[in-house]
Amino acid sequence: MKNYLVILFQLIVWSGYTLVEWLSVNDRFVFKVFMFLVFSYLAIYIGKMILKSNKRTMLVTVISLLCYGLLQILLETLVPVY
């Protein structure tokens, strides 16, 4: 159950990342990478606080990031931006 809770919290973090990335359209690529690293650290920190295991935290973080990425790709293909 803790894994599910961490995935939900991390999906909230990735949604926040999407919002911030959308607001910073004109930023340079270096700043976007730095922003991604900050949000990744936040997601890993949340996972570590709840799960208290490095291995499980990394596994759940990768799973939530893959779910986020697949959802973004799916939304891009279904809802084209004009």
PDB file of N, CA and C in Angstrom:
ATOM      1  N   MET A   1       0.821  -1.192   0.000  1.00  0.00           N
ATOM      2  CA  MET A   1       0.000   0.000   0.000  1.00  0.00           C
ATOM      3  C   MET A   1       0.864   1.255   0.000  1.00  0.00           C
ATOM      4  N   LYS A   2       2.028   1.170   0.649  1.00  0.00           N
ATOM      5  CA  LYS A   2       2.920   2.325   0.681  1.00  0.00           C
ATOM      6  C   LYS A   2       3.451   2.643  -0.712  1.00  0.00           C
ATOM      7  N   ASN A   3       3.703   1.607  -1.505  1.00  0.00           N
ATOM      8  CA  ASN A   3       4.184   1.833  -2.868  1.00  0.00           C
ATOM      9  C   ASN A   3       3.160   2.629  -3.674  1.00  0.00           C
ATOM     10  N   TYR A   4       1.899   2.272  -3.534  1.00  0.00           N
ATOM     11  CA  TYR A   4       0.829   2.961  -4.239  1.00  0.00           C
ATOM     12  C   TYR A   4       0.742   4.426  -3.799  1.00  0.00           C
ATOM     13  N   LEU A   5       0.866   4.658  -2.508  1.00  0.00           N
ATOM     14  CA  LEU A   5       0.828   6.010  -1.975  1.00  0.00           C
ATOM     15  C   LEU A   5       1.985   6.851  -2.519  1.00  0.00           C
ATOM     16  N   VAL A   6       3.169   6.269  -2.582  1.00  0.00           N
ATOM     17  CA  VAL A   6       4.333   6.981  -3.110  1.00  0.00           C
ATOM     18  C   VAL A   6       4.140   7.287  -4.593  1.00  0.00           C
ATOM     19  N   ILE A   7       3.611   6.336  -5.354  1.00  0.00           N
ATOM     20  CA  ILE A   7       3.371   6.582  -6.780  1.00  0.00           C
ATOM     21  C   ILE A   7       2.382   7.735  -6.958  1.00  0.00           C
ATOM     22  N   LEU A   8       1.347   7.792  -6.145  1.00  0.00           N
ATOM     23  CA  LEU A   8       0.384   8.895  -6.243  1.00  0.00           C
ATOM     24  C   LEU A   8       1.041  10.238  -5.921  1.00  0.00           C
ATOM     25  N   PHE A   9       1.834  10.283  -4.840  1.00  0.00           N
ATOM     26  CA  PHE A   9       2.526  11.526  -4.500  1.00  0.00           C
ATOM     27  C   PHE A   9       3.512  11.930  -5.588  1.00  0.00           C
ATOM     28  N   GLN A  10       4.220  10.956  -6.140  1.00  0.00           N
ATOM     29  CA  GLN A  10       5.188  11.278  -7.179  1.00  0.00           C
ATOM     30  C   GLN A  10       4.502  11.724  -8.466  1.00  0.00           C
ATOM     31  N   LEU A  11       3.341  11.172  -8.780  1.00  0.00           N
ATOM     32  CA  LEU A  11       2.605  11.655  -9.944  1.00  0.00           C
ATOM     33  C   LEU A  11       2.134  13.096  -9.740  1.00  0.00           C
ATOM     34  N   ILE A  12       1.844  13.465  -8.501  1.00  0.00           N
ATOM     35  CA  ILE A  12       1.522  14.860  -8.203  1.00  0.00           C
ATOM     36  C   ILE A  12       2.750  15.732  -8.446  1.00  0.00           C
ATOM     37  N   VAL A  13       3.926  15.251  -8.053  1.00  0.00           N
ATOM     38  CA  VAL A  13       5.172  15.994  -8.294  1.00  0.00           C
ATOM     39  C   VAL A  13       5.420  16.139  -9.787  1.00  0.00           C
ATOM     40  N   TRP A  14       5.229  15.062 -10.558  1.00  0.00           N
ATOM     41  CA  TRP A  14       5.457  15.137 -12.002  1.00  0.00           C
ATOM     42  C   TRP A  14       4.429  16.053 -12.664  1.00  0.00           C
ATOM     43  N   SER A  15       3.218  16.098 -12.139  1.00  0.00           N
ATOM     44  CA  SER A  15       2.227  17.036 -12.673  1.00  0.00           C
ATOM     45  C   SER A  15       2.650  18.474 -12.402  1.00  0.00           C
ATOM     46  N   GLY A  16       3.215  18.711 -11.234  1.00  0.00           N
ATOM     47  CA  GLY A  16       3.759  20.038 -10.936  1.00  0.00           C
ATOM     48  C   GLY A  16       4.898  20.388 -11.869  1.00  0.00           C
ATOM     49  N   TYR A  17       5.730  19.401 -12.183  1.00  0.00           N
ATOM     50  CA  TYR A  17       6.815  19.624 -13.140  1.00  0.00           C
ATOM     51  C   TYR A  17       6.261  20.009 -14.513  1.00  0.00           C
ATOM     52  N   THR A  18       5.181  19.348 -14.932  1.00  0.00           N
ATOM     53  CA  THR A  18       4.560  19.673 -16.219  1.00  0.00           C
ATOM     54  C   THR A  18       4.057  21.113 -16.227  1.00  0.00           C
ATOM     55  N   LEU A  19       3.438  21.525 -15.138  1.00  0.00           N
ATOM     56  CA  LEU A  19       2.945  22.894 -15.048  1.00  0.00           C
ATOM     57  C   LEU A  19       4.087  23.904 -15.108  1.00  0.00           C
ATOM     58  N   VAL A  20       5.146  23.658 -14.357  1.00  0.00           N
ATOM     59  CA  VAL A  20       6.283  24.575 -14.342  1.00  0.00           C
ATOM     60  C   VAL A  20       6.974  24.595 -15.705  1.00  0.00           C
ATOM     61  N   GLU A  21       7.091  23.448 -16.349  1.00  0.00           N
ATOM     62  CA  GLU A  21       7.698  23.401 -17.681  1.00  0.00           C
ATOM     63  C   GLU A  21       6.839  24.165 -18.696  1.00  0.00           C
ATOM     64  N   TRP A  22       5.534  24.055 -18.563  1.00  0.00           N
ATOM     65  CA  TRP A  22       4.634  24.783 -19.454  1.00  0.00           C
ATOM     66  C   TRP A  22       4.768  26.299 -19.252  1.00  0.00           C
ATOM     67  N   LEU A  23       4.957  26.714 -18.005  1.00  0.00           N
ATOM     68  CA  LEU A  23       5.101  28.136 -17.721  1.00  0.00           C
ATOM     69  C   LEU A  23       6.453  28.693 -18.155  1.00  0.00           C
ATOM     70  N   SER A  24       7.453  27.827 -18.298  1.00  0.00           N
ATOM     71  CA  SER A  24       8.802  28.287 -18.664  1.00  0.00           C
ATOM     72  C   SER A  24       9.139  27.870 -20.094  1.00  0.00           C
ATOM     73  N   VAL A  25       8.291  28.228 -21.014  1.00  0.00           N
ATOM     74  CA  VAL A  25       8.457  27.839 -22.415  1.00  0.00           C
ATOM     75  C   VAL A  25       9.724  28.447 -23.006  1.00  0.00           C
ATOM     76  N   ASN A  26      10.049  29.679 -22.661  1.00  0.00           N
ATOM     77  CA  ASN A  26      11.168  30.380 -23.288  1.00  0.00           C
ATOM     78  C   ASN A  26      12.508  30.164 -22.582  1.00  0.00           C
ATOM     79  N   ASP A  27      12.555  29.320 -21.564  1.00  0.00           N
ATOM     80  CA  ASP A  27      13.811  29.072 -20.859  1.00  0.00           C
ATOM     81  C   ASP A  27      14.758  28.231 -21.704  1.00  0.00           C
ATOM     82  N   ARG A  28      16.040  28.347 -21.384  1.00  0.00           N
ATOM     83  CA  ARG A  28      17.029  27.533 -22.086  1.00  0.00           C
ATOM     84  C   ARG A  28      16.973  26.089 -21.607  1.00  0.00           C
ATOM     85  N   PHE A  29      17.524  25.197 -22.427  1.00  0.00           N
ATOM     86  CA  PHE A  29      17.484  23.757 -22.152  1.00  0.00           C
ATOM     87  C   PHE A  29      18.194  23.417 -20.845  1.00  0.00           C
ATOM     88  N   VAL A  30      19.278  24.106 -20.533  1.00  0.00           N
ATOM     89  CA  VAL A  30      20.054  23.832 -19.314  1.00  0.00           C
ATOM     90  C   VAL A  30      19.184  24.054 -18.080  1.00  0.00           C
ATOM     91  N   PHE A  31      18.389  25.104 -18.092  1.00  0.00           N
ATOM     92  CA  PHE A  31      17.527  25.379 -16.949  1.00  0.00           C
ATOM     93  C   PHE A  31      16.403  24.356 -16.835  1.00  0.00           C
ATOM     94  N   LYS A  32      15.931  23.856 -17.955  1.00  0.00           N
ATOM     95  CA  LYS A  32      14.886  22.823 -17.925  1.00  0.00           C
ATOM     96  C   LYS A  32      15.444  21.514 -17.359  1.00  0.00           C
ATOM     97  N   VAL A  33      16.679  21.195 -17.709  1.00  0.00           N
ATOM     98  CA  VAL A  33      17.319  19.993 -17.156  1.00  0.00           C
ATOM     99  C   VAL A  33      17.506  20.146 -15.649  1.00  0.00           C
ATOM    100  N   PHE A  34      17.971  21.324 -15.218  1.00  0.00           N
ATOM    101  CA  PHE A  34      18.149  21.582 -13.795  1.00  0.00           C
ATOM    102  C   PHE A  34      16.812  21.477 -13.062  1.00  0.00           C
ATOM    103  N   MET A  35      15.759  22.009 -13.669  1.00  0.00           N
ATOM    104  CA  MET A  35      14.431  21.939 -13.074  1.00  0.00           C
ATOM    105  C   MET A  35      13.967  20.483 -12.961  1.00  0.00           C
ATOM    106  N   PHE A  36      14.241  19.668 -13.993  1.00  0.00           N
ATOM    107  CA  PHE A  36      13.882  18.254 -13.940  1.00  0.00           C
ATOM    108  C   PHE A  36      14.635  17.552 -12.801  1.00  0.00           C
ATOM    109  N   LEU A  37      15.904  17.892 -12.627  1.00  0.00           N
ATOM    110  CA  LEU A  37      16.684  17.285 -11.546  1.00  0.00           C
ATOM    111  C   LEU A  37      16.139  17.674 -10.174  1.00  0.00           C
ATOM    112  N   VAL A  38      15.701  18.915 -10.029  1.00  0.00           N
ATOM    113  CA  VAL A  38      15.117  19.352  -8.756  1.00  0.00           C
ATOM    114  C   VAL A  38      13.830  18.584  -8.463  1.00  0.00           C
ATOM    115  N   PHE A  39      12.968  18.439  -9.460  1.00  0.00           N
ATOM    116  CA  PHE A  39      11.721  17.703  -9.249  1.00  0.00           C
ATOM    117  C   PHE A  39      11.994  16.212  -9.037  1.00  0.00           C
ATOM    118  N   SER A  40      13.020  15.674  -9.690  1.00  0.00           N
ATOM    119  CA  SER A  40      13.390  14.273  -9.462  1.00  0.00           C
ATOM    120  C   SER A  40      13.857  14.072  -8.028  1.00  0.00           C
ATOM    121  N   TYR A  41      14.666  15.011  -7.540  1.00  0.00           N
ATOM    122  CA  TYR A  41      15.130  14.922  -6.145  1.00  0.00           C
ATOM    123  C   TYR A  41      13.942  14.971  -5.192  1.00  0.00           C
ATOM    124  N   LEU A  42      12.987  15.842  -5.475  1.00  0.00           N
ATOM    125  CA  LEU A  42      11.803  15.951  -4.625  1.00  0.00           C
ATOM    126  C   LEU A  42      11.008  14.645  -4.625  1.00  0.00           C
ATOM    127  N   ALA A  43      10.854  14.034  -5.796  1.00  0.00           N
ATOM    128  CA  ALA A  43      10.121  12.769  -5.887  1.00  0.00           C
ATOM    129  C   ALA A  43      10.858  11.655  -5.136  1.00  0.00           C
ATOM    130  N   ILE A  44      12.175  11.601  -5.286  1.00  0.00           N
ATOM    131  CA  ILE A  44      12.958  10.575  -4.588  1.00  0.00           C
ATOM    132  C   ILE A  44      12.911  10.807  -3.082  1.00  0.00           C
ATOM    133  N   TYR A  45      12.975  12.063  -2.662  1.00  0.00           N
ATOM    134  CA  TYR A  45      12.924  12.380  -1.232  1.00  0.00           C
ATOM    135  C   TYR A  45      11.593  11.953  -0.616  1.00  0.00           C
ATOM    136  N   ILE A  46      10.497  12.225  -1.333  1.00  0.00           N
ATOM    137  CA  ILE A  46       9.178  11.811  -0.835  1.00  0.00           C
ATOM    138  C   ILE A  46       9.119  10.288  -0.718  1.00  0.00           C
ATOM    139  N   GLY A  47       9.625   9.591  -1.733  1.00  0.00           N
ATOM    140  CA  GLY A  47       9.631   8.128  -1.693  1.00  0.00           C
ATOM    141  C   GLY A  47      10.469   7.586  -0.556  1.00  0.00           C
ATOM    142  N   LYS A  48      11.625   8.198  -0.326  1.00  0.00           N
ATOM    143  CA  LYS A  48      12.514   7.734   0.736  1.00  0.00           C
ATOM    144  C   LYS A  48      11.896   7.958   2.112  1.00  0.00           C
ATOM    145  N   MET A  49      11.186   9.078   2.267  1.00  0.00           N
ATOM    146  CA  MET A  49      10.560   9.366   3.558  1.00  0.00           C
ATOM    147  C   MET A  49       9.458   8.350   3.883  1.00  0.00           C
ATOM    148  N   ILE A  50       8.732   7.909   2.884  1.00  0.00           N
ATOM    149  CA  ILE A  50       7.615   6.993   3.140  1.00  0.00           C
ATOM    150  C   ILE A  50       8.078   5.538   3.157  1.00  0.00           C
ATOM    151  N   LEU A  51       8.907   5.147   2.194  1.00  0.00           N
ATOM    152  CA  LEU A  51       9.287   3.735   2.066  1.00  0.00           C
ATOM    153  C   LEU A  51      10.464   3.331   2.950  1.00  0.00           C
ATOM    154  N   LYS A  52      11.369   4.266   3.220  1.00  0.00           N
ATOM    155  CA  LYS A  52      12.550   4.015   4.060  1.00  0.00           C
ATOM    156  C   LYS A  52      13.448   2.905   3.497  1.00  0.00           C
ATOM    157  N   SER A  53      13.508   2.817   2.176  1.00  0.00           N
ATOM    158  CA  SER A  53      14.355   1.833   1.507  1.00  0.00           C
ATOM    159  C   SER A  53      14.833   2.432   0.191  1.00  0.00           C
ATOM    160  N   ASN A  54      16.150   2.421  -0.008  1.00  0.00           N
ATOM    161  CA  ASN A  54      16.705   3.005  -1.227  1.00  0.00           C
ATOM    162  C   ASN A  54      16.279   2.233  -2.475  1.00  0.00           C
ATOM    163  N   LYS A  55      16.335   0.916  -2.390  1.00  0.00           N
ATOM    164  CA  LYS A  55      16.021   0.078  -3.543  1.00  0.00           C
ATOM    165  C   LYS A  55      14.558   0.234  -3.962  1.00  0.00           C
ATOM    166  N   ARG A  56      13.645   0.142  -3.006  1.00  0.00           N
ATOM    167  CA  ARG A  56      12.227   0.296  -3.318  1.00  0.00           C
ATOM    168  C   ARG A  56      11.905   1.704  -3.795  1.00  0.00           C
ATOM    169  N   THR A  57      12.588   2.696  -3.206  1.00  0.00           N
ATOM    170  CA  THR A  57      12.361   4.080  -3.622  1.00  0.00           C
ATOM    171  C   THR A  57      12.747   4.285  -5.073  1.00  0.00           C
ATOM    172  N   MET A  58      13.903   3.780  -5.470  1.00  0.00           N
ATOM    173  CA  MET A  58      14.339   3.947  -6.856  1.00  0.00           C
ATOM    174  C   MET A  58      13.415   3.191  -7.810  1.00  0.00           C
ATOM    175  N   LEU A  59      12.992   1.997  -7.433  1.00  0.00           N
ATOM    176  CA  LEU A  59      12.086   1.216  -8.274  1.00  0.00           C
ATOM    177  C   LEU A  59      10.746   1.933  -8.456  1.00  0.00           C
ATOM    178  N   VAL A  60      10.168   2.421  -7.373  1.00  0.00           N
ATOM    179  CA  VAL A  60       8.883   3.108  -7.447  1.00  0.00           C
ATOM    180  C   VAL A  60       9.021   4.422  -8.205  1.00  0.00           C
ATOM    181  N   THR A  61      10.142   5.119  -8.031  1.00  0.00           N
ATOM    182  CA  THR A  61      10.355   6.376  -8.744  1.00  0.00           C
ATOM    183  C   THR A  61      10.463   6.137 -10.250  1.00  0.00           C
ATOM    184  N   VAL A  62      11.168   5.111 -10.647  1.00  0.00           N
ATOM    185  CA  VAL A  62      11.277   4.787 -12.075  1.00  0.00           C
ATOM    186  C   VAL A  62       9.909   4.401 -12.634  1.00  0.00           C
ATOM    187  N   ILE A  63       9.141   3.642 -11.878  1.00  0.00           N
ATOM    188  CA  ILE A  63       7.809   3.243 -12.332  1.00  0.00           C
ATOM    189  C   ILE A  63       6.901   4.460 -12.479  1.00  0.00           C
ATOM    190  N   SER A  64       6.939   5.365 -11.506  1.00  0.00           N
ATOM    191  CA  SER A  64       6.076   6.553 -11.599  1.00  0.00           C
ATOM    192  C   SER A  64       6.524   7.464 -12.732  1.00  0.00           C
ATOM    193  N   LEU A  65       7.835   7.547 -12.980  1.00  0.00           N
ATOM    194  CA  LEU A  65       8.332   8.366 -14.088  1.00  0.00           C
ATOM    195  C   LEU A  65       7.941   7.751 -15.432  1.00  0.00           C
ATOM    196  N   LEU A  66       7.978   6.432 -15.534  1.00  0.00           N
ATOM    197  CA  LEU A  66       7.531   5.768 -16.758  1.00  0.00           C
ATOM    198  C   LEU A  66       6.032   5.964 -16.986  1.00  0.00           C
ATOM    199  N   CYS A  67       5.247   5.862 -15.923  1.00  0.00           N
ATOM    200  CA  CYS A  67       3.796   6.110 -16.052  1.00  0.00           C
ATOM    201  C   CYS A  67       3.538   7.540 -16.494  1.00  0.00           C
ATOM    202  N   TYR A  68       4.269   8.476 -15.927  1.00  0.00           N
ATOM    203  CA  TYR A  68       4.126   9.885 -16.303  1.00  0.00           C
ATOM    204  C   TYR A  68       4.512  10.086 -17.771  1.00  0.00           C
ATOM    205  N   GLY A  69       5.625   9.492 -18.185  1.00  0.00           N
ATOM    206  CA  GLY A  69       6.078   9.636 -19.566  1.00  0.00           C
ATOM    207  C   GLY A  69       5.100   9.025 -20.558  1.00  0.00           C
ATOM    208  N   LEU A  70       4.594   7.833 -20.246  1.00  0.00           N
ATOM    209  CA  LEU A  70       3.615   7.190 -21.127  1.00  0.00           C
ATOM    210  C   LEU A  70       2.322   7.995 -21.208  1.00  0.00           C
ATOM    211  N   LEU A  71       1.905   8.553 -20.092  1.00  0.00           N
ATOM    212  CA  LEU A  71       0.703   9.382 -20.085  1.00  0.00           C
ATOM    213  C   LEU A  71       0.907  10.638 -20.926  1.00  0.00           C
ATOM    214  N   GLN A  72       2.082  11.253 -20.848  1.00  0.00           N
ATOM    215  CA  GLN A  72       2.371  12.445 -21.645  1.00  0.00           C
ATOM    216  C   GLN A  72       2.381  12.110 -23.141  1.00  0.00           C
ATOM    217  N   ILE A  73       2.983  10.991 -23.495  1.00  0.00           N
ATOM    218  CA  ILE A  73       3.012  10.574 -24.903  1.00  0.00           C
ATOM    219  C   ILE A  73       1.603  10.278 -25.399  1.00  0.00           C
ATOM    220  N   LEU A  74       0.820   9.586 -24.590  1.00  0.00           N
ATOM    221  CA  LEU A  74      -0.561   9.271 -24.957  1.00  0.00           C
ATOM    222  C   LEU A  74      -1.378  10.546 -25.154  1.00  0.00           C
ATOM    223  N   LEU A  75      -1.233  11.486 -24.256  1.00  0.00           N
ATOM    224  CA  LEU A  75      -1.989  12.729 -24.373  1.00  0.00           C
ATOM    225  C   LEU A  75      -1.548  13.537 -25.587  1.00  0.00           C
ATOM    226  N   GLU A  76      -0.254  13.506 -25.912  1.00  0.00           N
ATOM    227  CA  GLU A  76       0.240  14.217 -27.085  1.00  0.00           C
ATOM    228  C   GLU A  76      -0.330  13.643 -28.381  1.00  0.00           C
ATOM    229  N   THR A  77      -0.475  12.339 -28.439  1.00  0.00           N
ATOM    230  CA  THR A  77      -0.980  11.722 -29.659  1.00  0.00           C
ATOM    231  C   THR A  77      -2.501  11.854 -29.777  1.00  0.00           C
ATOM    232  N   LEU A  78      -3.203  11.817 -28.652  1.00  0.00           N
ATOM    233  CA  LEU A  78      -4.656  11.907 -28.704  1.00  0.00           C
ATOM    234  C   LEU A  78      -5.170  13.343 -28.822  1.00  0.00           C
ATOM    235  N   VAL A  79      -4.465  14.273 -28.189  1.00  0.00           N
ATOM    236  CA  VAL A  79      -4.907  15.667 -28.188  1.00  0.00           C
ATOM    237  C   VAL A  79      -3.807  16.514 -28.828  1.00  0.00           C
ATOM    238  N   PRO A  80      -3.865  16.704 -30.147  1.00  0.00           N
ATOM    239  CA  PRO A  80      -2.819  17.507 -30.788  1.00  0.00           C
ATOM    240  C   PRO A  80      -2.946  18.980 -30.405  1.00  0.00           C
ATOM    241  N   VAL A  81      -1.794  19.627 -30.227  1.00  0.00           N
ATOM    242  CA  VAL A  81      -1.753  21.037 -29.860  1.00  0.00           C
ATOM    243  C   VAL A  81      -1.617  21.871 -31.120  1.00  0.00           C
ATOM    244  N   TYR A  82      -2.466  22.853 -31.283  1.00  0.00           N
ATOM    245  CA  TYR A  82      -2.414  23.716 -32.467  1.00  0.00           C
ATOM    246  C   TYR A  82      -1.838  25.043 -32.119  1.00  0.00           C
TER     247      TYR A  82
END
